[in-house]
Amino acid sequence: MKSIDPQELSVKENYKFLTGSIIPRPIAFVTTLSSEGVLNAAPFSYFNALTSNPPLIAISIGRKDGIQKDSSRNAEELGEFVVHIPDETYIEAVNKTAANLDPDQSEVELANLTKAKSVKVGVPGIAKIKNSNGMCSRTDHSTWWFT
């Protein structure tokens, strides 16, 4: 068995090792709303279910040059977000939302996606994603819903 010491690898090498080893990885397509009302959407491949009782998911949102990303900041400020699981028909649109936009610009508009009202949270989801099973969540970990 091969042994790998992550202390001996660069950050990029560790990333490549993890993303190439843990497959397939689901993509969390997350929508958040800024305090100014801008709808943000972004894909995250560091995502998975943790437990069903209580139902918990984990999404790893890194920083860019040490600065918190819009999705993370918005989820913390508003305390809510929506997670979708997009299928292959949305690959192009989801990839467009990975663009580095200013906080006052919407990736949803950039990708020509249609927002949909959420049932339990104030953050809109994305309409017509086949396998969306939108998971609406509050960041206090107390409640979340499948919509």
C-alpha atoms as a PDB file:
ATOM      1  CA  MET A   1       0.000   0.000   0.000  1.00  0.00           C
ATOM      2  CA  LYS A   2       1.261   3.429  -0.911  1.00  0.00           C
ATOM      3  CA  SER A   3       1.524   5.958   1.918  1.00  0.00           C
ATOM      4  CA  ILE A   4       1.093   9.674   1.288  1.00  0.00           C
ATOM      5  CA  ASP A   5       2.065  12.324   3.810  1.00  0.00           C
ATOM      6  CA  PRO A   6       0.042  15.509   3.159  1.00  0.00           C
ATOM      7  CA  GLN A   7       2.703  17.489   5.027  1.00  0.00           C
ATOM      8  CA  GLU A   8       5.109  16.685   2.185  1.00  0.00           C
ATOM      9  CA  LEU A   9       2.721  17.869  -0.549  1.00  0.00           C
ATOM     10  CA  SER A  10       1.889  21.365  -1.695  1.00  0.00           C
ATOM     11  CA  VAL A  11      -1.642  22.727  -1.287  1.00  0.00           C
ATOM     12  CA  LYS A  12      -2.216  22.159  -5.015  1.00  0.00           C
ATOM     13  CA  GLU A  13      -0.917  18.572  -4.811  1.00  0.00           C
ATOM     14  CA  ASN A  14      -3.180  17.829  -1.823  1.00  0.00           C
ATOM     15  CA  TYR A  15      -6.142  19.300  -3.721  1.00  0.00           C
ATOM     16  CA  LYS A  16      -5.416  17.176  -6.799  1.00  0.00           C
ATOM     17  CA  PHE A  17      -4.965  14.062  -4.663  1.00  0.00           C
ATOM     18  CA  LEU A  18      -8.261  14.550  -2.829  1.00  0.00           C
ATOM     19  CA  THR A  19     -10.345  15.550  -5.842  1.00  0.00           C
ATOM     20  CA  GLY A  20      -8.888  12.718  -7.909  1.00  0.00           C
ATOM     21  CA  SER A  21      -9.374  10.091  -5.205  1.00  0.00           C
ATOM     22  CA  ILE A  22     -12.819  10.828  -3.828  1.00  0.00           C
ATOM     23  CA  ILE A  23     -15.039  10.182  -6.831  1.00  0.00           C
ATOM     24  CA  PRO A  24     -17.670  10.648  -7.898  1.00  0.00           C
ATOM     25  CA  ARG A  25     -18.167  13.898  -6.028  1.00  0.00           C
ATOM     26  CA  PRO A  26     -21.578  15.507  -5.984  1.00  0.00           C
ATOM     27  CA  ILE A  27     -21.757  19.188  -6.779  1.00  0.00           C
ATOM     28  CA  ALA A  28     -23.578  21.500  -4.398  1.00  0.00           C
ATOM     29  CA  PHE A  29     -25.048  24.357  -6.403  1.00  0.00           C
ATOM     30  CA  VAL A  30     -25.648  26.947  -3.692  1.00  0.00           C
ATOM     31  CA  THR A  31     -27.743  30.092  -3.839  1.00  0.00           C
ATOM     32  CA  THR A  32     -27.360  32.846  -1.272  1.00  0.00           C
ATOM     33  CA  LEU A  33     -28.757  36.338  -0.991  1.00  0.00           C
ATOM     34  CA  SER A  34     -26.655  39.360  -0.074  1.00  0.00           C
ATOM     35  CA  SER A  35     -27.866  41.976   2.378  1.00  0.00           C
ATOM     36  CA  GLU A  36     -28.260  44.248  -0.664  1.00  0.00           C
ATOM     37  CA  GLY A  37     -30.594  41.718  -2.341  1.00  0.00           C
ATOM     38  CA  VAL A  38     -28.155  40.319  -4.936  1.00  0.00           C
ATOM     39  CA  LEU A  39     -28.807  36.621  -5.662  1.00  0.00           C
ATOM     40  CA  ASN A  40     -25.519  34.724  -5.696  1.00  0.00           C
ATOM     41  CA  ALA A  41     -25.058  31.208  -7.089  1.00  0.00           C
ATOM     42  CA  ALA A  42     -21.925  29.068  -7.041  1.00  0.00           C
ATOM     43  CA  PRO A  43     -20.910  25.414  -7.435  1.00  0.00           C
ATOM     44  CA  PHE A  44     -18.923  23.595  -4.740  1.00  0.00           C
ATOM     45  CA  SER A  45     -17.378  20.158  -5.194  1.00  0.00           C
ATOM     46  CA  TYR A  46     -16.345  19.794  -1.550  1.00  0.00           C
ATOM     47  CA  PHE A  47     -19.824  18.794  -0.445  1.00  0.00           C
ATOM     48  CA  ASN A  48     -21.425  15.763   1.147  1.00  0.00           C
ATOM     49  CA  ALA A  49     -23.998  14.448   3.580  1.00  0.00           C
ATOM     50  CA  LEU A  50     -22.748  13.976   7.130  1.00  0.00           C
ATOM     51  CA  THR A  51     -25.642  12.382   9.000  1.00  0.00           C
ATOM     52  CA  SER A  52     -29.364  11.811   8.610  1.00  0.00           C
ATOM     53  CA  ASN A  53     -30.252  12.279  12.282  1.00  0.00           C
ATOM     54  CA  PRO A  54     -30.015  15.168  12.574  1.00  0.00           C
ATOM     55  CA  PRO A  55     -29.860  15.823   8.831  1.00  0.00           C
ATOM     56  CA  LEU A  56     -26.547  17.620   8.261  1.00  0.00           C
ATOM     57  CA  ILE A  57     -24.596  18.463   5.146  1.00  0.00           C
ATOM     58  CA  ALA A  58     -21.121  19.915   4.793  1.00  0.00           C
ATOM     59  CA  ILE A  59     -20.026  22.411   2.169  1.00  0.00           C
ATOM     60  CA  SER A  60     -16.445  23.592   2.136  1.00  0.00           C
ATOM     61  CA  ILE A  61     -16.226  27.153   0.855  1.00  0.00           C
ATOM     62  CA  GLY A  62     -12.625  28.212   0.579  1.00  0.00           C
ATOM     63  CA  ARG A  63     -11.295  31.744   0.550  1.00  0.00           C
ATOM     64  CA  LYS A  64      -9.813  33.591  -2.398  1.00  0.00           C
ATOM     65  CA  ASP A  65      -6.544  35.284  -1.500  1.00  0.00           C
ATOM     66  CA  GLY A  66      -7.581  35.092   2.160  1.00  0.00           C
ATOM     67  CA  ILE A  67     -10.888  36.879   1.506  1.00  0.00           C
ATOM     68  CA  GLN A  68     -14.231  35.270   2.313  1.00  0.00           C
ATOM     69  CA  LYS A  69     -16.240  34.356  -0.802  1.00  0.00           C
ATOM     70  CA  ASP A  70     -19.679  35.880  -1.444  1.00  0.00           C
ATOM     71  CA  SER A  71     -21.528  32.586  -0.783  1.00  0.00           C
ATOM     72  CA  SER A  72     -19.983  32.178   2.642  1.00  0.00           C
ATOM     73  CA  ARG A  73     -20.390  35.822   3.634  1.00  0.00           C
ATOM     74  CA  ASN A  74     -24.017  35.923   2.442  1.00  0.00           C
ATOM     75  CA  ALA A  75     -24.947  32.687   4.239  1.00  0.00           C
ATOM     76  CA  GLU A  76     -23.433  34.007   7.463  1.00  0.00           C
ATOM     77  CA  GLU A  77     -25.087  37.426   7.176  1.00  0.00           C
ATOM     78  CA  LEU A  78     -28.585  36.220   6.271  1.00  0.00           C
ATOM     79  CA  GLY A  79     -28.339  32.862   8.014  1.00  0.00           C
ATOM     80  CA  GLU A  80     -29.918  30.984   5.099  1.00  0.00           C
ATOM     81  CA  PHE A  81     -28.969  29.328   1.817  1.00  0.00           C
ATOM     82  CA  VAL A  82     -30.349  26.838  -0.720  1.00  0.00           C
ATOM     83  CA  VAL A  83     -28.484  23.805  -2.084  1.00  0.00           C
ATOM     84  CA  HIS A  84     -29.339  22.173  -5.409  1.00  0.00           C
ATOM     85  CA  ILE A  85     -27.889  19.014  -6.955  1.00  0.00           C
ATOM     86  CA  PRO A  86     -27.730  19.849 -10.664  1.00  0.00           C
ATOM     87  CA  ASP A  87     -27.711  17.189 -13.370  1.00  0.00           C
ATOM     88  CA  GLU A  88     -25.723  17.190 -16.609  1.00  0.00           C
ATOM     89  CA  THR A  89     -28.262  19.395 -18.419  1.00  0.00           C
ATOM     90  CA  TYR A  90     -27.110  22.329 -16.264  1.00  0.00           C
ATOM     91  CA  ILE A  91     -23.338  21.855 -16.565  1.00  0.00           C
ATOM     92  CA  GLU A  92     -22.783  24.880 -18.803  1.00  0.00           C
ATOM     93  CA  ALA A  93     -24.896  27.222 -16.676  1.00  0.00           C
ATOM     94  CA  VAL A  94     -23.395  25.971 -13.406  1.00  0.00           C
ATOM     95  CA  ASN A  95     -19.882  26.424 -14.808  1.00  0.00           C
ATOM     96  CA  LYS A  96     -20.734  30.024 -15.754  1.00  0.00           C
ATOM     97  CA  THR A  97     -21.656  30.748 -12.136  1.00  0.00           C
ATOM     98  CA  ALA A  98     -18.107  29.881 -11.058  1.00  0.00           C
ATOM     99  CA  ALA A  99     -17.025  33.247 -12.524  1.00  0.00           C
ATOM    100  CA  ASN A 100     -15.302  35.761 -10.273  1.00  0.00           C
ATOM    101  CA  LEU A 101     -17.864  38.539 -10.131  1.00  0.00           C
ATOM    102  CA  ASP A 102     -18.055  41.548  -7.871  1.00  0.00           C
ATOM    103  CA  PRO A 103     -20.443  41.152  -4.905  1.00  0.00           C
ATOM    104  CA  ASP A 104     -22.977  43.484  -6.545  1.00  0.00           C
ATOM    105  CA  GLN A 105     -23.255  41.244  -9.628  1.00  0.00           C
ATOM    106  CA  SER A 106     -25.474  38.142  -9.846  1.00  0.00           C
ATOM    107  CA  GLU A 107     -24.176  34.865 -11.239  1.00  0.00           C
ATOM    108  CA  VAL A 108     -27.813  33.839 -11.719  1.00  0.00           C
ATOM    109  CA  GLU A 109     -28.266  36.696 -14.197  1.00  0.00           C
ATOM    110  CA  LEU A 110     -24.903  35.978 -15.851  1.00  0.00           C
ATOM    111  CA  ALA A 111     -25.921  32.354 -16.509  1.00  0.00           C
ATOM    112  CA  ASN A 112     -29.497  33.293 -17.536  1.00  0.00           C
ATOM    113  CA  LEU A 113     -30.985  31.104 -14.813  1.00  0.00           C
ATOM    114  CA  THR A 114     -34.504  31.587 -13.489  1.00  0.00           C
ATOM    115  CA  LYS A 115     -34.945  32.080  -9.766  1.00  0.00           C
ATOM    116  CA  ALA A 116     -37.720  30.312  -7.892  1.00  0.00           C
ATOM    117  CA  LYS A 117     -39.309  31.300  -4.601  1.00  0.00           C
ATOM    118  CA  SER A 118     -38.332  29.042  -1.715  1.00  0.00           C
ATOM    119  CA  VAL A 119     -41.009  27.705   0.589  1.00  0.00           C
ATOM    120  CA  LYS A 120     -39.289  27.965   3.981  1.00  0.00           C
ATOM    121  CA  VAL A 121     -36.438  30.452   3.579  1.00  0.00           C
ATOM    122  CA  GLY A 122     -36.067  33.878   2.028  1.00  0.00           C
ATOM    123  CA  VAL A 123     -33.256  32.877  -0.339  1.00  0.00           C
ATOM    124  CA  PRO A 124     -34.598  32.011  -3.797  1.00  0.00           C
ATOM    125  CA  GLY A 125     -33.615  28.753  -5.442  1.00  0.00           C
ATOM    126  CA  ILE A 126     -33.154  27.992  -9.127  1.00  0.00           C
ATOM    127  CA  ALA A 127     -36.183  26.907 -11.170  1.00  0.00           C
ATOM    128  CA  LYS A 128     -36.300  23.801 -13.338  1.00  0.00           C
ATOM    129  CA  ILE A 129     -33.186  21.981 -12.176  1.00  0.00           C
ATOM    130  CA  LYS A 130     -34.362  18.386 -12.657  1.00  0.00           C
ATOM    131  CA  ASN A 131     -32.742  16.841  -9.591  1.00  0.00           C
ATOM    132  CA  SER A 132     -32.659  19.951  -7.501  1.00  0.00           C
ATOM    133  CA  ASN A 133     -34.194  18.618  -4.294  1.00  0.00           C
ATOM    134  CA  GLY A 134     -33.460  22.105  -3.045  1.00  0.00           C
ATOM    135  CA  MET A 135     -32.210  21.869   0.515  1.00  0.00           C
ATOM    136  CA  CYS A 136     -33.112  25.054   2.302  1.00  0.00           C
ATOM    137  CA  SER A 137     -31.072  25.610   5.380  1.00  0.00           C
ATOM    138  CA  ARG A 138     -30.444  27.983   8.207  1.00  0.00           C
ATOM    139  CA  THR A 139     -26.853  28.329   9.286  1.00  0.00           C
ATOM    140  CA  ASP A 140     -27.732  27.910  12.958  1.00  0.00           C
ATOM    141  CA  HIS A 141     -28.007  24.165  12.166  1.00  0.00           C
ATOM    142  CA  SER A 142     -31.402  23.983  13.854  1.00  0.00           C
ATOM    143  CA  THR A 143     -33.608  23.440  10.837  1.00  0.00           C
ATOM    144  CA  TRP A 144     -33.547  22.626   7.169  1.00  0.00           C
ATOM    145  CA  TRP A 145     -36.055  21.469   4.623  1.00  0.00           C
ATOM    146  CA  PHE A 146     -36.269  19.621   1.346  1.00  0.00           C
ATOM    147  CA  THR A 147     -38.355  21.581  -1.133  1.00  0.00           C
END
